Amino acid sequence: ATVADLWLQVPYTAGGGLFDVTGA
């Protein structure tokens, strides 16, 4: 759950879908 929180925070704050996660 903690790792998922970190992953999901990227599209949650920047916008986009579940896998719209970039290194930056």
PDBML (XML) file of the C-alpha atoms, coordinates in Angstrom:
<?xml version="1.0" encoding="UTF-8" ?>
<PDBx:datablock datablockName="MODEL"
   xmlns:PDBx="http://pdbml.pdb.org/schema/pdbx-v50.xsd"
   xmlns:xsi="http://www.w3.org/2001/XMLSchema-instance"
   xsi:schemaLocation="http://pdbml.pdb.org/schema/pdbx-v50.xsd pdbx-v50.xsd">
   <PDBx:atom_siteCategory>
      <PDBx:atom_site id="1">
         <PDBx:B_iso_or_equiv>0.00</PDBx:B_iso_or_equiv>
         <PDBx:Cartn_x>0.000</PDBx:Cartn_x>
         <PDBx:Cartn_y>0.000</PDBx:Cartn_y>
         <PDBx:Cartn_z>0.000</PDBx:Cartn_z>
         <PDBx:auth_asym_id>A</PDBx:auth_asym_id>
         <PDBx:auth_atom_id>CA</PDBx:auth_atom_id>
         <PDBx:auth_comp_id>ALA</PDBx:auth_comp_id>
         <PDBx:auth_seq_id>1</PDBx:auth_seq_id>
         <PDBx:group_PDB>ATOM</PDBx:group_PDB>
         <PDBx:label_alt_id xsi:nil="true" />
         <PDBx:label_asym_id>A</PDBx:label_asym_id>
         <PDBx:label_atom_id>CA</PDBx:label_atom_id>
         <PDBx:label_comp_id>ALA</PDBx:label_comp_id>
         <PDBx:label_entity_id>1</PDBx:label_entity_id>
         <PDBx:label_seq_id>1</PDBx:label_seq_id>
         <PDBx:occupancy>1.00</PDBx:occupancy>
         <PDBx:pdbx_PDB_model_num>1</PDBx:pdbx_PDB_model_num>
         <PDBx:type_symbol>C</PDBx:type_symbol>
      </PDBx:atom_site>
      <PDBx:atom_site id="2">
         <PDBx:B_iso_or_equiv>0.00</PDBx:B_iso_or_equiv>
         <PDBx:Cartn_x>2.865</PDBx:Cartn_x>
         <PDBx:Cartn_y>2.399</PDBx:Cartn_y>
         <PDBx:Cartn_z>0.801</PDBx:Cartn_z>
         <PDBx:auth_asym_id>A</PDBx:auth_asym_id>
         <PDBx:auth_atom_id>CA</PDBx:auth_atom_id>
         <PDBx:auth_comp_id>THR</PDBx:auth_comp_id>
         <PDBx:auth_seq_id>2</PDBx:auth_seq_id>
         <PDBx:group_PDB>ATOM</PDBx:group_PDB>
         <PDBx:label_alt_id xsi:nil="true" />
         <PDBx:label_asym_id>A</PDBx:label_asym_id>
         <PDBx:label_atom_id>CA</PDBx:label_atom_id>
         <PDBx:label_comp_id>THR</PDBx:label_comp_id>
         <PDBx:label_entity_id>1</PDBx:label_entity_id>
         <PDBx:label_seq_id>2</PDBx:label_seq_id>
         <PDBx:occupancy>1.00</PDBx:occupancy>
         <PDBx:pdbx_PDB_model_num>1</PDBx:pdbx_PDB_model_num>
         <PDBx:type_symbol>C</PDBx:type_symbol>
      </PDBx:atom_site>
      <PDBx:atom_site id="3">
         <PDBx:B_iso_or_equiv>0.00</PDBx:B_iso_or_equiv>
         <PDBx:Cartn_x>4.572</PDBx:Cartn_x>
         <PDBx:Cartn_y>1.712</PDBx:Cartn_y>
         <PDBx:Cartn_z>-2.534</PDBx:Cartn_z>
         <PDBx:auth_asym_id>A</PDBx:auth_asym_id>
         <PDBx:auth_atom_id>CA</PDBx:auth_atom_id>
         <PDBx:auth_comp_id>VAL</PDBx:auth_comp_id>
         <PDBx:auth_seq_id>3</PDBx:auth_seq_id>
         <PDBx:group_PDB>ATOM</PDBx:group_PDB>
         <PDBx:label_alt_id xsi:nil="true" />
         <PDBx:label_asym_id>A</PDBx:label_asym_id>
         <PDBx:label_atom_id>CA</PDBx:label_atom_id>
         <PDBx:label_comp_id>VAL</PDBx:label_comp_id>
         <PDBx:label_entity_id>1</PDBx:label_entity_id>
         <PDBx:label_seq_id>3</PDBx:label_seq_id>
         <PDBx:occupancy>1.00</PDBx:occupancy>
         <PDBx:pdbx_PDB_model_num>1</PDBx:pdbx_PDB_model_num>
         <PDBx:type_symbol>C</PDBx:type_symbol>
      </PDBx:atom_site>
      <PDBx:atom_site id="4">
         <PDBx:B_iso_or_equiv>0.00</PDBx:B_iso_or_equiv>
         <PDBx:Cartn_x>1.211</PDBx:Cartn_x>
         <PDBx:Cartn_y>2.064</PDBx:Cartn_y>
         <PDBx:Cartn_z>-4.324</PDBx:Cartn_z>
         <PDBx:auth_asym_id>A</PDBx:auth_asym_id>
         <PDBx:auth_atom_id>CA</PDBx:auth_atom_id>
         <PDBx:auth_comp_id>ALA</PDBx:auth_comp_id>
         <PDBx:auth_seq_id>4</PDBx:auth_seq_id>
         <PDBx:group_PDB>ATOM</PDBx:group_PDB>
         <PDBx:label_alt_id xsi:nil="true" />
         <PDBx:label_asym_id>A</PDBx:label_asym_id>
         <PDBx:label_atom_id>CA</PDBx:label_atom_id>
         <PDBx:label_comp_id>ALA</PDBx:label_comp_id>
         <PDBx:label_entity_id>1</PDBx:label_entity_id>
         <PDBx:label_seq_id>4</PDBx:label_seq_id>
         <PDBx:occupancy>1.00</PDBx:occupancy>
         <PDBx:pdbx_PDB_model_num>1</PDBx:pdbx_PDB_model_num>
         <PDBx:type_symbol>C</PDBx:type_symbol>
      </PDBx:atom_site>
      <PDBx:atom_site id="5">
         <PDBx:B_iso_or_equiv>0.00</PDBx:B_iso_or_equiv>
         <PDBx:Cartn_x>0.690</PDBx:Cartn_x>
         <PDBx:Cartn_y>5.436</PDBx:Cartn_y>
         <PDBx:Cartn_z>-2.607</PDBx:Cartn_z>
         <PDBx:auth_asym_id>A</PDBx:auth_asym_id>
         <PDBx:auth_atom_id>CA</PDBx:auth_atom_id>
         <PDBx:auth_comp_id>ASP</PDBx:auth_comp_id>
         <PDBx:auth_seq_id>5</PDBx:auth_seq_id>
         <PDBx:group_PDB>ATOM</PDBx:group_PDB>
         <PDBx:label_alt_id xsi:nil="true" />
         <PDBx:label_asym_id>A</PDBx:label_asym_id>
         <PDBx:label_atom_id>CA</PDBx:label_atom_id>
         <PDBx:label_comp_id>ASP</PDBx:label_comp_id>
         <PDBx:label_entity_id>1</PDBx:label_entity_id>
         <PDBx:label_seq_id>5</PDBx:label_seq_id>
         <PDBx:occupancy>1.00</PDBx:occupancy>
         <PDBx:pdbx_PDB_model_num>1</PDBx:pdbx_PDB_model_num>
         <PDBx:type_symbol>C</PDBx:type_symbol>
      </PDBx:atom_site>
      <PDBx:atom_site id="6">
         <PDBx:B_iso_or_equiv>0.00</PDBx:B_iso_or_equiv>
         <PDBx:Cartn_x>4.005</PDBx:Cartn_x>
         <PDBx:Cartn_y>6.657</PDBx:Cartn_y>
         <PDBx:Cartn_z>-4.005</PDBx:Cartn_z>
         <PDBx:auth_asym_id>A</PDBx:auth_asym_id>
         <PDBx:auth_atom_id>CA</PDBx:auth_atom_id>
         <PDBx:auth_comp_id>LEU</PDBx:auth_comp_id>
         <PDBx:auth_seq_id>6</PDBx:auth_seq_id>
         <PDBx:group_PDB>ATOM</PDBx:group_PDB>
         <PDBx:label_alt_id xsi:nil="true" />
         <PDBx:label_asym_id>A</PDBx:label_asym_id>
         <PDBx:label_atom_id>CA</PDBx:label_atom_id>
         <PDBx:label_comp_id>LEU</PDBx:label_comp_id>
         <PDBx:label_entity_id>1</PDBx:label_entity_id>
         <PDBx:label_seq_id>6</PDBx:label_seq_id>
         <PDBx:occupancy>1.00</PDBx:occupancy>
         <PDBx:pdbx_PDB_model_num>1</PDBx:pdbx_PDB_model_num>
         <PDBx:type_symbol>C</PDBx:type_symbol>
      </PDBx:atom_site>
      <PDBx:atom_site id="7">
         <PDBx:B_iso_or_equiv>0.00</PDBx:B_iso_or_equiv>
         <PDBx:Cartn_x>3.248</PDBx:Cartn_x>
         <PDBx:Cartn_y>5.366</PDBx:Cartn_y>
         <PDBx:Cartn_z>-7.507</PDBx:Cartn_z>
         <PDBx:auth_asym_id>A</PDBx:auth_asym_id>
         <PDBx:auth_atom_id>CA</PDBx:auth_atom_id>
         <PDBx:auth_comp_id>TRP</PDBx:auth_comp_id>
         <PDBx:auth_seq_id>7</PDBx:auth_seq_id>
         <PDBx:group_PDB>ATOM</PDBx:group_PDB>
         <PDBx:label_alt_id xsi:nil="true" />
         <PDBx:label_asym_id>A</PDBx:label_asym_id>
         <PDBx:label_atom_id>CA</PDBx:label_atom_id>
         <PDBx:label_comp_id>TRP</PDBx:label_comp_id>
         <PDBx:label_entity_id>1</PDBx:label_entity_id>
         <PDBx:label_seq_id>7</PDBx:label_seq_id>
         <PDBx:occupancy>1.00</PDBx:occupancy>
         <PDBx:pdbx_PDB_model_num>1</PDBx:pdbx_PDB_model_num>
         <PDBx:type_symbol>C</PDBx:type_symbol>
      </PDBx:atom_site>
      <PDBx:atom_site id="8">
         <PDBx:B_iso_or_equiv>0.00</PDBx:B_iso_or_equiv>
         <PDBx:Cartn_x>-0.314</PDBx:Cartn_x>
         <PDBx:Cartn_y>6.740</PDBx:Cartn_y>
         <PDBx:Cartn_z>-7.635</PDBx:Cartn_z>
         <PDBx:auth_asym_id>A</PDBx:auth_asym_id>
         <PDBx:auth_atom_id>CA</PDBx:auth_atom_id>
         <PDBx:auth_comp_id>LEU</PDBx:auth_comp_id>
         <PDBx:auth_seq_id>8</PDBx:auth_seq_id>
         <PDBx:group_PDB>ATOM</PDBx:group_PDB>
         <PDBx:label_alt_id xsi:nil="true" />
         <PDBx:label_asym_id>A</PDBx:label_asym_id>
         <PDBx:label_atom_id>CA</PDBx:label_atom_id>
         <PDBx:label_comp_id>LEU</PDBx:label_comp_id>
         <PDBx:label_entity_id>1</PDBx:label_entity_id>
         <PDBx:label_seq_id>8</PDBx:label_seq_id>
         <PDBx:occupancy>1.00</PDBx:occupancy>
         <PDBx:pdbx_PDB_model_num>1</PDBx:pdbx_PDB_model_num>
         <PDBx:type_symbol>C</PDBx:type_symbol>
      </PDBx:atom_site>
      <PDBx:atom_site id="9">
         <PDBx:B_iso_or_equiv>0.00</PDBx:B_iso_or_equiv>
         <PDBx:Cartn_x>0.730</PDBx:Cartn_x>
         <PDBx:Cartn_y>10.142</PDBx:Cartn_y>
         <PDBx:Cartn_z>-6.327</PDBx:Cartn_z>
         <PDBx:auth_asym_id>A</PDBx:auth_asym_id>
         <PDBx:auth_atom_id>CA</PDBx:auth_atom_id>
         <PDBx:auth_comp_id>GLN</PDBx:auth_comp_id>
         <PDBx:auth_seq_id>9</PDBx:auth_seq_id>
         <PDBx:group_PDB>ATOM</PDBx:group_PDB>
         <PDBx:label_alt_id xsi:nil="true" />
         <PDBx:label_asym_id>A</PDBx:label_asym_id>
         <PDBx:label_atom_id>CA</PDBx:label_atom_id>
         <PDBx:label_comp_id>GLN</PDBx:label_comp_id>
         <PDBx:label_entity_id>1</PDBx:label_entity_id>
         <PDBx:label_seq_id>9</PDBx:label_seq_id>
         <PDBx:occupancy>1.00</PDBx:occupancy>
         <PDBx:pdbx_PDB_model_num>1</PDBx:pdbx_PDB_model_num>
         <PDBx:type_symbol>C</PDBx:type_symbol>
      </PDBx:atom_site>
      <PDBx:atom_site id="10">
         <PDBx:B_iso_or_equiv>0.00</PDBx:B_iso_or_equiv>
         <PDBx:Cartn_x>2.418</PDBx:Cartn_x>
         <PDBx:Cartn_y>10.837</PDBx:Cartn_y>
         <PDBx:Cartn_z>-9.676</PDBx:Cartn_z>
         <PDBx:auth_asym_id>A</PDBx:auth_asym_id>
         <PDBx:auth_atom_id>CA</PDBx:auth_atom_id>
         <PDBx:auth_comp_id>VAL</PDBx:auth_comp_id>
         <PDBx:auth_seq_id>10</PDBx:auth_seq_id>
         <PDBx:group_PDB>ATOM</PDBx:group_PDB>
         <PDBx:label_alt_id xsi:nil="true" />
         <PDBx:label_asym_id>A</PDBx:label_asym_id>
         <PDBx:label_atom_id>CA</PDBx:label_atom_id>
         <PDBx:label_comp_id>VAL</PDBx:label_comp_id>
         <PDBx:label_entity_id>1</PDBx:label_entity_id>
         <PDBx:label_seq_id>10</PDBx:label_seq_id>
         <PDBx:occupancy>1.00</PDBx:occupancy>
         <PDBx:pdbx_PDB_model_num>1</PDBx:pdbx_PDB_model_num>
         <PDBx:type_symbol>C</PDBx:type_symbol>
      </PDBx:atom_site>
      <PDBx:atom_site id="11">
         <PDBx:B_iso_or_equiv>0.00</PDBx:B_iso_or_equiv>
         <PDBx:Cartn_x>-0.704</PDBx:Cartn_x>
         <PDBx:Cartn_y>10.685</PDBx:Cartn_y>
         <PDBx:Cartn_z>-11.896</PDBx:Cartn_z>
         <PDBx:auth_asym_id>A</PDBx:auth_asym_id>
         <PDBx:auth_atom_id>CA</PDBx:auth_atom_id>
         <PDBx:auth_comp_id>PRO</PDBx:auth_comp_id>
         <PDBx:auth_seq_id>11</PDBx:auth_seq_id>
         <PDBx:group_PDB>ATOM</PDBx:group_PDB>
         <PDBx:label_alt_id xsi:nil="true" />
         <PDBx:label_asym_id>A</PDBx:label_asym_id>
         <PDBx:label_atom_id>CA</PDBx:label_atom_id>
         <PDBx:label_comp_id>PRO</PDBx:label_comp_id>
         <PDBx:label_entity_id>1</PDBx:label_entity_id>
         <PDBx:label_seq_id>11</PDBx:label_seq_id>
         <PDBx:occupancy>1.00</PDBx:occupancy>
         <PDBx:pdbx_PDB_model_num>1</PDBx:pdbx_PDB_model_num>
         <PDBx:type_symbol>C</PDBx:type_symbol>
      </PDBx:atom_site>
      <PDBx:atom_site id="12">
         <PDBx:B_iso_or_equiv>0.00</PDBx:B_iso_or_equiv>
         <PDBx:Cartn_x>-2.897</PDBx:Cartn_x>
         <PDBx:Cartn_y>11.964</PDBx:Cartn_y>
         <PDBx:Cartn_z>-9.042</PDBx:Cartn_z>
         <PDBx:auth_asym_id>A</PDBx:auth_asym_id>
         <PDBx:auth_atom_id>CA</PDBx:auth_atom_id>
         <PDBx:auth_comp_id>TYR</PDBx:auth_comp_id>
         <PDBx:auth_seq_id>12</PDBx:auth_seq_id>
         <PDBx:group_PDB>ATOM</PDBx:group_PDB>
         <PDBx:label_alt_id xsi:nil="true" />
         <PDBx:label_asym_id>A</PDBx:label_asym_id>
         <PDBx:label_atom_id>CA</PDBx:label_atom_id>
         <PDBx:label_comp_id>TYR</PDBx:label_comp_id>
         <PDBx:label_entity_id>1</PDBx:label_entity_id>
         <PDBx:label_seq_id>12</PDBx:label_seq_id>
         <PDBx:occupancy>1.00</PDBx:occupancy>
         <PDBx:pdbx_PDB_model_num>1</PDBx:pdbx_PDB_model_num>
         <PDBx:type_symbol>C</PDBx:type_symbol>
      </PDBx:atom_site>
      <PDBx:atom_site id="13">
         <PDBx:B_iso_or_equiv>0.00</PDBx:B_iso_or_equiv>
         <PDBx:Cartn_x>-0.977</PDBx:Cartn_x>
         <PDBx:Cartn_y>15.238</PDBx:Cartn_y>
         <PDBx:Cartn_z>-8.816</PDBx:Cartn_z>
         <PDBx:auth_asym_id>A</PDBx:auth_asym_id>
         <PDBx:auth_atom_id>CA</PDBx:auth_atom_id>
         <PDBx:auth_comp_id>THR</PDBx:auth_comp_id>
         <PDBx:auth_seq_id>13</PDBx:auth_seq_id>
         <PDBx:group_PDB>ATOM</PDBx:group_PDB>
         <PDBx:label_alt_id xsi:nil="true" />
         <PDBx:label_asym_id>A</PDBx:label_asym_id>
         <PDBx:label_atom_id>CA</PDBx:label_atom_id>
         <PDBx:label_comp_id>THR</PDBx:label_comp_id>
         <PDBx:label_entity_id>1</PDBx:label_entity_id>
         <PDBx:label_seq_id>13</PDBx:label_seq_id>
         <PDBx:occupancy>1.00</PDBx:occupancy>
         <PDBx:pdbx_PDB_model_num>1</PDBx:pdbx_PDB_model_num>
         <PDBx:type_symbol>C</PDBx:type_symbol>
      </PDBx:atom_site>
      <PDBx:atom_site id="14">
         <PDBx:B_iso_or_equiv>0.00</PDBx:B_iso_or_equiv>
         <PDBx:Cartn_x>0.244</PDBx:Cartn_x>
         <PDBx:Cartn_y>15.604</PDBx:Cartn_y>
         <PDBx:Cartn_z>-12.419</PDBx:Cartn_z>
         <PDBx:auth_asym_id>A</PDBx:auth_asym_id>
         <PDBx:auth_atom_id>CA</PDBx:auth_atom_id>
         <PDBx:auth_comp_id>ALA</PDBx:auth_comp_id>
         <PDBx:auth_seq_id>14</PDBx:auth_seq_id>
         <PDBx:group_PDB>ATOM</PDBx:group_PDB>
         <PDBx:label_alt_id xsi:nil="true" />
         <PDBx:label_asym_id>A</PDBx:label_asym_id>
         <PDBx:label_atom_id>CA</PDBx:label_atom_id>
         <PDBx:label_comp_id>ALA</PDBx:label_comp_id>
         <PDBx:label_entity_id>1</PDBx:label_entity_id>
         <PDBx:label_seq_id>14</PDBx:label_seq_id>
         <PDBx:occupancy>1.00</PDBx:occupancy>
         <PDBx:pdbx_PDB_model_num>1</PDBx:pdbx_PDB_model_num>
         <PDBx:type_symbol>C</PDBx:type_symbol>
      </PDBx:atom_site>
      <PDBx:atom_site id="15">
         <PDBx:B_iso_or_equiv>0.00</PDBx:B_iso_or_equiv>
         <PDBx:Cartn_x>-2.862</PDBx:Cartn_x>
         <PDBx:Cartn_y>14.233</PDBx:Cartn_y>
         <PDBx:Cartn_z>-14.147</PDBx:Cartn_z>
         <PDBx:auth_asym_id>A</PDBx:auth_asym_id>
         <PDBx:auth_atom_id>CA</PDBx:auth_atom_id>
         <PDBx:auth_comp_id>GLY</PDBx:auth_comp_id>
         <PDBx:auth_seq_id>15</PDBx:auth_seq_id>
         <PDBx:group_PDB>ATOM</PDBx:group_PDB>
         <PDBx:label_alt_id xsi:nil="true" />
         <PDBx:label_asym_id>A</PDBx:label_asym_id>
         <PDBx:label_atom_id>CA</PDBx:label_atom_id>
         <PDBx:label_comp_id>GLY</PDBx:label_comp_id>
         <PDBx:label_entity_id>1</PDBx:label_entity_id>
         <PDBx:label_seq_id>15</PDBx:label_seq_id>
         <PDBx:occupancy>1.00</PDBx:occupancy>
         <PDBx:pdbx_PDB_model_num>1</PDBx:pdbx_PDB_model_num>
         <PDBx:type_symbol>C</PDBx:type_symbol>
      </PDBx:atom_site>
      <PDBx:atom_site id="16">
         <PDBx:B_iso_or_equiv>0.00</PDBx:B_iso_or_equiv>
         <PDBx:Cartn_x>-3.145</PDBx:Cartn_x>
         <PDBx:Cartn_y>11.138</PDBx:Cartn_y>
         <PDBx:Cartn_z>-16.291</PDBx:Cartn_z>
         <PDBx:auth_asym_id>A</PDBx:auth_asym_id>
         <PDBx:auth_atom_id>CA</PDBx:auth_atom_id>
         <PDBx:auth_comp_id>GLY</PDBx:auth_comp_id>
         <PDBx:auth_seq_id>16</PDBx:auth_seq_id>
         <PDBx:group_PDB>ATOM</PDBx:group_PDB>
         <PDBx:label_alt_id xsi:nil="true" />
         <PDBx:label_asym_id>A</PDBx:label_asym_id>
         <PDBx:label_atom_id>CA</PDBx:label_atom_id>
         <PDBx:label_comp_id>GLY</PDBx:label_comp_id>
         <PDBx:label_entity_id>1</PDBx:label_entity_id>
         <PDBx:label_seq_id>16</PDBx:label_seq_id>
         <PDBx:occupancy>1.00</PDBx:occupancy>
         <PDBx:pdbx_PDB_model_num>1</PDBx:pdbx_PDB_model_num>
         <PDBx:type_symbol>C</PDBx:type_symbol>
      </PDBx:atom_site>
      <PDBx:atom_site id="17">
         <PDBx:B_iso_or_equiv>0.00</PDBx:B_iso_or_equiv>
         <PDBx:Cartn_x>-3.889</PDBx:Cartn_x>
         <PDBx:Cartn_y>7.430</PDBx:Cartn_y>
         <PDBx:Cartn_z>-15.990</PDBx:Cartn_z>
         <PDBx:auth_asym_id>A</PDBx:auth_asym_id>
         <PDBx:auth_atom_id>CA</PDBx:auth_atom_id>
         <PDBx:auth_comp_id>GLY</PDBx:auth_comp_id>
         <PDBx:auth_seq_id>17</PDBx:auth_seq_id>
         <PDBx:group_PDB>ATOM</PDBx:group_PDB>
         <PDBx:label_alt_id xsi:nil="true" />
         <PDBx:label_asym_id>A</PDBx:label_asym_id>
         <PDBx:label_atom_id>CA</PDBx:label_atom_id>
         <PDBx:label_comp_id>GLY</PDBx:label_comp_id>
         <PDBx:label_entity_id>1</PDBx:label_entity_id>
         <PDBx:label_seq_id>17</PDBx:label_seq_id>
         <PDBx:occupancy>1.00</PDBx:occupancy>
         <PDBx:pdbx_PDB_model_num>1</PDBx:pdbx_PDB_model_num>
         <PDBx:type_symbol>C</PDBx:type_symbol>
      </PDBx:atom_site>
      <PDBx:atom_site id="18">
         <PDBx:B_iso_or_equiv>0.00</PDBx:B_iso_or_equiv>
         <PDBx:Cartn_x>-2.550</PDBx:Cartn_x>
         <PDBx:Cartn_y>4.681</PDBx:Cartn_y>
         <PDBx:Cartn_z>-13.756</PDBx:Cartn_z>
         <PDBx:auth_asym_id>A</PDBx:auth_asym_id>
         <PDBx:auth_atom_id>CA</PDBx:auth_atom_id>
         <PDBx:auth_comp_id>LEU</PDBx:auth_comp_id>
         <PDBx:auth_seq_id>18</PDBx:auth_seq_id>
         <PDBx:group_PDB>ATOM</PDBx:group_PDB>
         <PDBx:label_alt_id xsi:nil="true" />
         <PDBx:label_asym_id>A</PDBx:label_asym_id>
         <PDBx:label_atom_id>CA</PDBx:label_atom_id>
         <PDBx:label_comp_id>LEU</PDBx:label_comp_id>
         <PDBx:label_entity_id>1</PDBx:label_entity_id>
         <PDBx:label_seq_id>18</PDBx:label_seq_id>
         <PDBx:occupancy>1.00</PDBx:occupancy>
         <PDBx:pdbx_PDB_model_num>1</PDBx:pdbx_PDB_model_num>
         <PDBx:type_symbol>C</PDBx:type_symbol>
      </PDBx:atom_site>
      <PDBx:atom_site id="19">
         <PDBx:B_iso_or_equiv>0.00</PDBx:B_iso_or_equiv>
         <PDBx:Cartn_x>0.539</PDBx:Cartn_x>
         <PDBx:Cartn_y>4.093</PDBx:Cartn_y>
         <PDBx:Cartn_z>-15.879</PDBx:Cartn_z>
         <PDBx:auth_asym_id>A</PDBx:auth_asym_id>
         <PDBx:auth_atom_id>CA</PDBx:auth_atom_id>
         <PDBx:auth_comp_id>PHE</PDBx:auth_comp_id>
         <PDBx:auth_seq_id>19</PDBx:auth_seq_id>
         <PDBx:group_PDB>ATOM</PDBx:group_PDB>
         <PDBx:label_alt_id xsi:nil="true" />
         <PDBx:label_asym_id>A</PDBx:label_asym_id>
         <PDBx:label_atom_id>CA</PDBx:label_atom_id>
         <PDBx:label_comp_id>PHE</PDBx:label_comp_id>
         <PDBx:label_entity_id>1</PDBx:label_entity_id>
         <PDBx:label_seq_id>19</PDBx:label_seq_id>
         <PDBx:occupancy>1.00</PDBx:occupancy>
         <PDBx:pdbx_PDB_model_num>1</PDBx:pdbx_PDB_model_num>
         <PDBx:type_symbol>C</PDBx:type_symbol>
      </PDBx:atom_site>
      <PDBx:atom_site id="20">
         <PDBx:B_iso_or_equiv>0.00</PDBx:B_iso_or_equiv>
         <PDBx:Cartn_x>1.286</PDBx:Cartn_x>
         <PDBx:Cartn_y>7.703</PDBx:Cartn_y>
         <PDBx:Cartn_z>-16.812</PDBx:Cartn_z>
         <PDBx:auth_asym_id>A</PDBx:auth_asym_id>
         <PDBx:auth_atom_id>CA</PDBx:auth_atom_id>
         <PDBx:auth_comp_id>ASP</PDBx:auth_comp_id>
         <PDBx:auth_seq_id>20</PDBx:auth_seq_id>
         <PDBx:group_PDB>ATOM</PDBx:group_PDB>
         <PDBx:label_alt_id xsi:nil="true" />
         <PDBx:label_asym_id>A</PDBx:label_asym_id>
         <PDBx:label_atom_id>CA</PDBx:label_atom_id>
         <PDBx:label_comp_id>ASP</PDBx:label_comp_id>
         <PDBx:label_entity_id>1</PDBx:label_entity_id>
         <PDBx:label_seq_id>20</PDBx:label_seq_id>
         <PDBx:occupancy>1.00</PDBx:occupancy>
         <PDBx:pdbx_PDB_model_num>1</PDBx:pdbx_PDB_model_num>
         <PDBx:type_symbol>C</PDBx:type_symbol>
      </PDBx:atom_site>
      <PDBx:atom_site id="21">
         <PDBx:B_iso_or_equiv>0.00</PDBx:B_iso_or_equiv>
         <PDBx:Cartn_x>4.319</PDBx:Cartn_x>
         <PDBx:Cartn_y>7.689</PDBx:Cartn_y>
         <PDBx:Cartn_z>-14.517</PDBx:Cartn_z>
         <PDBx:auth_asym_id>A</PDBx:auth_asym_id>
         <PDBx:auth_atom_id>CA</PDBx:auth_atom_id>
         <PDBx:auth_comp_id>VAL</PDBx:auth_comp_id>
         <PDBx:auth_seq_id>21</PDBx:auth_seq_id>
         <PDBx:group_PDB>ATOM</PDBx:group_PDB>
         <PDBx:label_alt_id xsi:nil="true" />
         <PDBx:label_asym_id>A</PDBx:label_asym_id>
         <PDBx:label_atom_id>CA</PDBx:label_atom_id>
         <PDBx:label_comp_id>VAL</PDBx:label_comp_id>
         <PDBx:label_entity_id>1</PDBx:label_entity_id>
         <PDBx:label_seq_id>21</PDBx:label_seq_id>
         <PDBx:occupancy>1.00</PDBx:occupancy>
         <PDBx:pdbx_PDB_model_num>1</PDBx:pdbx_PDB_model_num>
         <PDBx:type_symbol>C</PDBx:type_symbol>
      </PDBx:atom_site>
      <PDBx:atom_site id="22">
         <PDBx:B_iso_or_equiv>0.00</PDBx:B_iso_or_equiv>
         <PDBx:Cartn_x>7.654</PDBx:Cartn_x>
         <PDBx:Cartn_y>9.121</PDBx:Cartn_y>
         <PDBx:Cartn_z>-15.620</PDBx:Cartn_z>
         <PDBx:auth_asym_id>A</PDBx:auth_asym_id>
         <PDBx:auth_atom_id>CA</PDBx:auth_atom_id>
         <PDBx:auth_comp_id>THR</PDBx:auth_comp_id>
         <PDBx:auth_seq_id>22</PDBx:auth_seq_id>
         <PDBx:group_PDB>ATOM</PDBx:group_PDB>
         <PDBx:label_alt_id xsi:nil="true" />
         <PDBx:label_asym_id>A</PDBx:label_asym_id>
         <PDBx:label_atom_id>CA</PDBx:label_atom_id>
         <PDBx:label_comp_id>THR</PDBx:label_comp_id>
         <PDBx:label_entity_id>1</PDBx:label_entity_id>
         <PDBx:label_seq_id>22</PDBx:label_seq_id>
         <PDBx:occupancy>1.00</PDBx:occupancy>
         <PDBx:pdbx_PDB_model_num>1</PDBx:pdbx_PDB_model_num>
         <PDBx:type_symbol>C</PDBx:type_symbol>
      </PDBx:atom_site>
      <PDBx:atom_site id="23">
         <PDBx:B_iso_or_equiv>0.00</PDBx:B_iso_or_equiv>
         <PDBx:Cartn_x>11.020</PDBx:Cartn_x>
         <PDBx:Cartn_y>9.095</PDBx:Cartn_y>
         <PDBx:Cartn_z>-13.918</PDBx:Cartn_z>
         <PDBx:auth_asym_id>A</PDBx:auth_asym_id>
         <PDBx:auth_atom_id>CA</PDBx:auth_atom_id>
         <PDBx:auth_comp_id>GLY</PDBx:auth_comp_id>
         <PDBx:auth_seq_id>23</PDBx:auth_seq_id>
         <PDBx:group_PDB>ATOM</PDBx:group_PDB>
         <PDBx:label_alt_id xsi:nil="true" />
         <PDBx:label_asym_id>A</PDBx:label_asym_id>
         <PDBx:label_atom_id>CA</PDBx:label_atom_id>
         <PDBx:label_comp_id>GLY</PDBx:label_comp_id>
         <PDBx:label_entity_id>1</PDBx:label_entity_id>
         <PDBx:label_seq_id>23</PDBx:label_seq_id>
         <PDBx:occupancy>1.00</PDBx:occupancy>
         <PDBx:pdbx_PDB_model_num>1</PDBx:pdbx_PDB_model_num>
         <PDBx:type_symbol>C</PDBx:type_symbol>
      </PDBx:atom_site>
      <PDBx:atom_site id="24">
         <PDBx:B_iso_or_equiv>0.00</PDBx:B_iso_or_equiv>
         <PDBx:Cartn_x>10.881</PDBx:Cartn_x>
         <PDBx:Cartn_y>12.867</PDBx:Cartn_y>
         <PDBx:Cartn_z>-13.496</PDBx:Cartn_z>
         <PDBx:auth_asym_id>A</PDBx:auth_asym_id>
         <PDBx:auth_atom_id>CA</PDBx:auth_atom_id>
         <PDBx:auth_comp_id>ALA</PDBx:auth_comp_id>
         <PDBx:auth_seq_id>24</PDBx:auth_seq_id>
         <PDBx:group_PDB>ATOM</PDBx:group_PDB>
         <PDBx:label_alt_id xsi:nil="true" />
         <PDBx:label_asym_id>A</PDBx:label_asym_id>
         <PDBx:label_atom_id>CA</PDBx:label_atom_id>
         <PDBx:label_comp_id>ALA</PDBx:label_comp_id>
         <PDBx:label_entity_id>1</PDBx:label_entity_id>
         <PDBx:label_seq_id>24</PDBx:label_seq_id>
         <PDBx:occupancy>1.00</PDBx:occupancy>
         <PDBx:pdbx_PDB_model_num>1</PDBx:pdbx_PDB_model_num>
         <PDBx:type_symbol>C</PDBx:type_symbol>
      </PDBx:atom_site>
   </PDBx:atom_siteCategory>
</PDBx:datablock>
